Amino acid sequence: MDNDRVTGYRAVHPGEILNEELKERGIKQKELAARIGILPSHLNELIKGKRSFTVAIATALEKELGIPYDSWMRLQYGYEHDLLVIAQREVEHQQQTRRESDILHRVAAVL
C-alpha cells in the first residue's frame, strides 16, 4: 500500500468521477452504456457506487472516452483502500471512546 496516500473521511467511488466526466462531455448514461456494450442499469449502478469497476469495464471506458483503463483501476483500488482506512479509523475511535469512558467510570467510582 502507498504510505503517502492521504485518506479523507469519505471515500470517492470512481463512478462519481465517471458521472462528472459524462456531464462535462454531454454524454447520457444510456448512450455510453450502448457504446460500451452494457445495460444502462449496470452503468447506473457503477455510477452510483453499487458496483465495482472491473478491467473489462475500465478497458471499454478507455476505448470510448480515451481515459486509460489503469486510471479507472487506480481509482477503484484507491476507493477500496480508503473504505478500509475509514472503517479502521472508526474502530480505533470507538475503542478510544470506550477506554475513555471506562476511565471516567473508574474515577467516578473512586470519588
C-alpha atoms as a PDB file:
ATOM      1  CA  MET A   1       0.000   0.000   0.000  1.00  0.00           C
ATOM      2  CA  ASP A   2       1.029   3.550  -0.655  1.00  0.00           C
ATOM      3  CA  ASN A   3       2.041   5.081   2.674  1.00  0.00           C
ATOM      4  CA  ASP A   4       1.954   8.595   1.195  1.00  0.00           C
ATOM      5  CA  ARG A   5      -1.759   8.352   0.409  1.00  0.00           C
ATOM      6  CA  VAL A   6      -3.968  10.679   2.441  1.00  0.00           C
ATOM      7  CA  THR A   7      -7.405   9.304   3.226  1.00  0.00           C
ATOM      8  CA  GLY A   8     -10.205  11.721   3.973  1.00  0.00           C
ATOM      9  CA  TYR A   9     -13.438  10.991   5.782  1.00  0.00           C
ATOM     10  CA  ARG A  10     -15.341   9.951   2.675  1.00  0.00           C
ATOM     11  CA  ALA A  11     -14.220   7.507   0.030  1.00  0.00           C
ATOM     12  CA  VAL A  12     -14.863   8.650  -3.540  1.00  0.00           C
ATOM     13  CA  HIS A  13     -16.102   5.890  -5.827  1.00  0.00           C
ATOM     14  CA  PRO A  14     -14.821   6.056  -9.426  1.00  0.00           C
ATOM     15  CA  GLY A  15     -18.457   6.170 -10.535  1.00  0.00           C
ATOM     16  CA  GLU A  16     -18.620   9.733  -9.210  1.00  0.00           C
ATOM     17  CA  ILE A  17     -15.698  10.642 -11.451  1.00  0.00           C
ATOM     18  CA  LEU A  18     -17.317   8.915 -14.421  1.00  0.00           C
ATOM     19  CA  ASN A  19     -20.581  10.754 -13.787  1.00  0.00           C
ATOM     20  CA  GLU A  20     -18.773  14.113 -13.785  1.00  0.00           C
ATOM     21  CA  GLU A  21     -16.931  13.144 -16.971  1.00  0.00           C
ATOM     22  CA  LEU A  22     -20.198  12.285 -18.704  1.00  0.00           C
ATOM     23  CA  LYS A  23     -21.730  15.605 -17.637  1.00  0.00           C
ATOM     24  CA  GLU A  24     -18.690  17.512 -18.925  1.00  0.00           C
ATOM     25  CA  ARG A  25     -18.883  15.749 -22.282  1.00  0.00           C
ATOM     26  CA  GLY A  26     -22.666  15.912 -22.552  1.00  0.00           C
ATOM     27  CA  ILE A  27     -22.989  12.138 -22.828  1.00  0.00           C
ATOM     28  CA  LYS A  28     -26.106  10.412 -21.497  1.00  0.00           C
ATOM     29  CA  GLN A  29     -25.733   7.248 -19.433  1.00  0.00           C
ATOM     30  CA  LYS A  30     -27.896   5.266 -21.885  1.00  0.00           C
ATOM     31  CA  GLU A  31     -25.713   6.401 -24.761  1.00  0.00           C
ATOM     32  CA  LEU A  32     -22.467   5.388 -23.064  1.00  0.00           C
ATOM     33  CA  ALA A  33     -23.940   2.066 -21.931  1.00  0.00           C
ATOM     34  CA  ALA A  34     -24.855   1.231 -25.536  1.00  0.00           C
ATOM     35  CA  ARG A  35     -21.426   2.322 -26.794  1.00  0.00           C
ATOM     36  CA  ILE A  36     -19.531   0.127 -24.299  1.00  0.00           C
ATOM     37  CA  GLY A  37     -21.937  -2.797 -24.540  1.00  0.00           C
ATOM     38  CA  ILE A  38     -23.500  -2.950 -21.087  1.00  0.00           C
ATOM     39  CA  LEU A  39     -27.018  -2.490 -19.783  1.00  0.00           C
ATOM     40  CA  PRO A  40     -27.948   1.063 -18.776  1.00  0.00           C
ATOM     41  CA  SER A  41     -28.878  -0.271 -15.317  1.00  0.00           C
ATOM     42  CA  HIS A  42     -25.381  -1.744 -14.953  1.00  0.00           C
ATOM     43  CA  LEU A  43     -23.789   1.593 -15.839  1.00  0.00           C
ATOM     44  CA  ASN A  44     -26.121   3.404 -13.448  1.00  0.00           C
ATOM     45  CA  GLU A  45     -25.068   1.050 -10.634  1.00  0.00           C
ATOM     46  CA  LEU A  46     -21.416   1.764 -11.447  1.00  0.00           C
ATOM     47  CA  ILE A  47     -22.059   5.487 -11.312  1.00  0.00           C
ATOM     48  CA  LYS A  48     -23.951   5.186  -8.018  1.00  0.00           C
ATOM     49  CA  GLY A  49     -21.119   3.146  -6.477  1.00  0.00           C
ATOM     50  CA  LYS A  50     -23.164  -0.040  -6.208  1.00  0.00           C
ATOM     51  CA  ARG A  51     -20.781  -1.958  -8.496  1.00  0.00           C
ATOM     52  CA  SER A  52     -17.024  -2.089  -8.736  1.00  0.00           C
ATOM     53  CA  PHE A  53     -15.082  -1.151 -11.824  1.00  0.00           C
ATOM     54  CA  THR A  54     -13.537  -4.189 -13.495  1.00  0.00           C
ATOM     55  CA  VAL A  55     -10.710  -4.417 -16.000  1.00  0.00           C
ATOM     56  CA  ALA A  56     -13.286  -5.124 -18.730  1.00  0.00           C
ATOM     57  CA  ILE A  57     -15.321  -2.010 -17.884  1.00  0.00           C
ATOM     58  CA  ALA A  58     -12.190   0.116 -17.490  1.00  0.00           C
ATOM     59  CA  THR A  59     -10.891  -1.096 -20.863  1.00  0.00           C
ATOM     60  CA  ALA A  60     -14.218  -0.299 -22.549  1.00  0.00           C
ATOM     61  CA  LEU A  61     -14.172   3.173 -20.980  1.00  0.00           C
ATOM     62  CA  GLU A  62     -10.628   3.695 -22.213  1.00  0.00           C
ATOM     63  CA  LYS A  63     -11.679   2.866 -25.774  1.00  0.00           C
ATOM     64  CA  GLU A  64     -14.762   5.076 -25.603  1.00  0.00           C
ATOM     65  CA  LEU A  65     -13.575   8.033 -23.513  1.00  0.00           C
ATOM     66  CA  GLY A  66      -9.809   7.930 -24.017  1.00  0.00           C
ATOM     67  CA  ILE A  67      -9.150   7.723 -20.269  1.00  0.00           C
ATOM     68  CA  PRO A  68      -6.608   4.928 -19.622  1.00  0.00           C
ATOM     69  CA  TYR A  69      -8.005   1.785 -18.041  1.00  0.00           C
ATOM     70  CA  ASP A  70      -5.317   1.834 -15.355  1.00  0.00           C
ATOM     71  CA  SER A  71      -6.584   5.259 -14.237  1.00  0.00           C
ATOM     72  CA  TRP A  72     -10.027   3.750 -13.593  1.00  0.00           C
ATOM     73  CA  MET A  73      -8.485   0.775 -11.820  1.00  0.00           C
ATOM     74  CA  ARG A  74      -6.332   3.013  -9.613  1.00  0.00           C
ATOM     75  CA  LEU A  75      -9.460   4.955  -8.700  1.00  0.00           C
ATOM     76  CA  GLN A  76     -11.251   1.686  -7.836  1.00  0.00           C
ATOM     77  CA  TYR A  77      -8.363   0.354  -5.757  1.00  0.00           C
ATOM     78  CA  GLY A  78      -7.960   3.729  -4.057  1.00  0.00           C
ATOM     79  CA  TYR A  79     -11.653   3.716  -3.202  1.00  0.00           C
ATOM     80  CA  GLU A  80     -11.404   0.235  -1.700  1.00  0.00           C
ATOM     81  CA  HIS A  81      -8.289   1.235   0.247  1.00  0.00           C
ATOM     82  CA  ASP A  82      -9.989   4.363   1.581  1.00  0.00           C
ATOM     83  CA  LEU A  83     -13.022   2.340   2.701  1.00  0.00           C
ATOM     84  CA  LEU A  84     -10.728   0.098   4.734  1.00  0.00           C
ATOM     85  CA  VAL A  85      -8.816   3.015   6.253  1.00  0.00           C
ATOM     86  CA  ILE A  86     -12.037   4.826   7.171  1.00  0.00           C
ATOM     87  CA  ALA A  87     -13.503   1.675   8.748  1.00  0.00           C
ATOM     88  CA  GLN A  88     -10.289   1.056  10.686  1.00  0.00           C
ATOM     89  CA  ARG A  89     -10.236   4.683  11.832  1.00  0.00           C
ATOM     90  CA  GLU A  90     -13.831   4.330  13.092  1.00  0.00           C
ATOM     91  CA  VAL A  91     -12.999   1.154  15.015  1.00  0.00           C
ATOM     92  CA  GLU A  92      -9.990   2.855  16.608  1.00  0.00           C
ATOM     93  CA  HIS A  93     -12.152   5.867  17.501  1.00  0.00           C
ATOM     94  CA  GLN A  94     -14.770   3.622  19.126  1.00  0.00           C
ATOM     95  CA  GLN A  95     -12.074   1.779  21.078  1.00  0.00           C
ATOM     96  CA  GLN A  96     -10.594   5.067  22.292  1.00  0.00           C
ATOM     97  CA  THR A  97     -14.052   6.319  23.308  1.00  0.00           C
ATOM     98  CA  ARG A  98     -14.671   3.099  25.281  1.00  0.00           C
ATOM     99  CA  ARG A  99     -11.297   3.400  27.036  1.00  0.00           C
ATOM    100  CA  GLU A 100     -12.028   6.993  27.993  1.00  0.00           C
ATOM    101  CA  SER A 101     -15.488   6.040  29.207  1.00  0.00           C
ATOM    102  CA  ASP A 102     -14.056   3.194  31.317  1.00  0.00           C
ATOM    103  CA  ILE A 103     -11.546   5.586  32.892  1.00  0.00           C
ATOM    104  CA  LEU A 104     -14.276   8.087  33.704  1.00  0.00           C
ATOM    105  CA  HIS A 105     -16.393   5.357  35.319  1.00  0.00           C
ATOM    106  CA  ARG A 106     -13.435   4.181  37.450  1.00  0.00           C
ATOM    107  CA  VAL A 107     -12.685   7.742  38.554  1.00  0.00           C
ATOM    108  CA  ALA A 108     -16.354   8.339  39.379  1.00  0.00           C
ATOM    109  CA  ALA A 109     -16.467   5.095  41.395  1.00  0.00           C
ATOM    110  CA  VAL A 110     -13.482   6.194  43.476  1.00  0.00           C
ATOM    111  CA  LEU A 111     -14.965   9.593  44.193  1.00  0.00           C
END
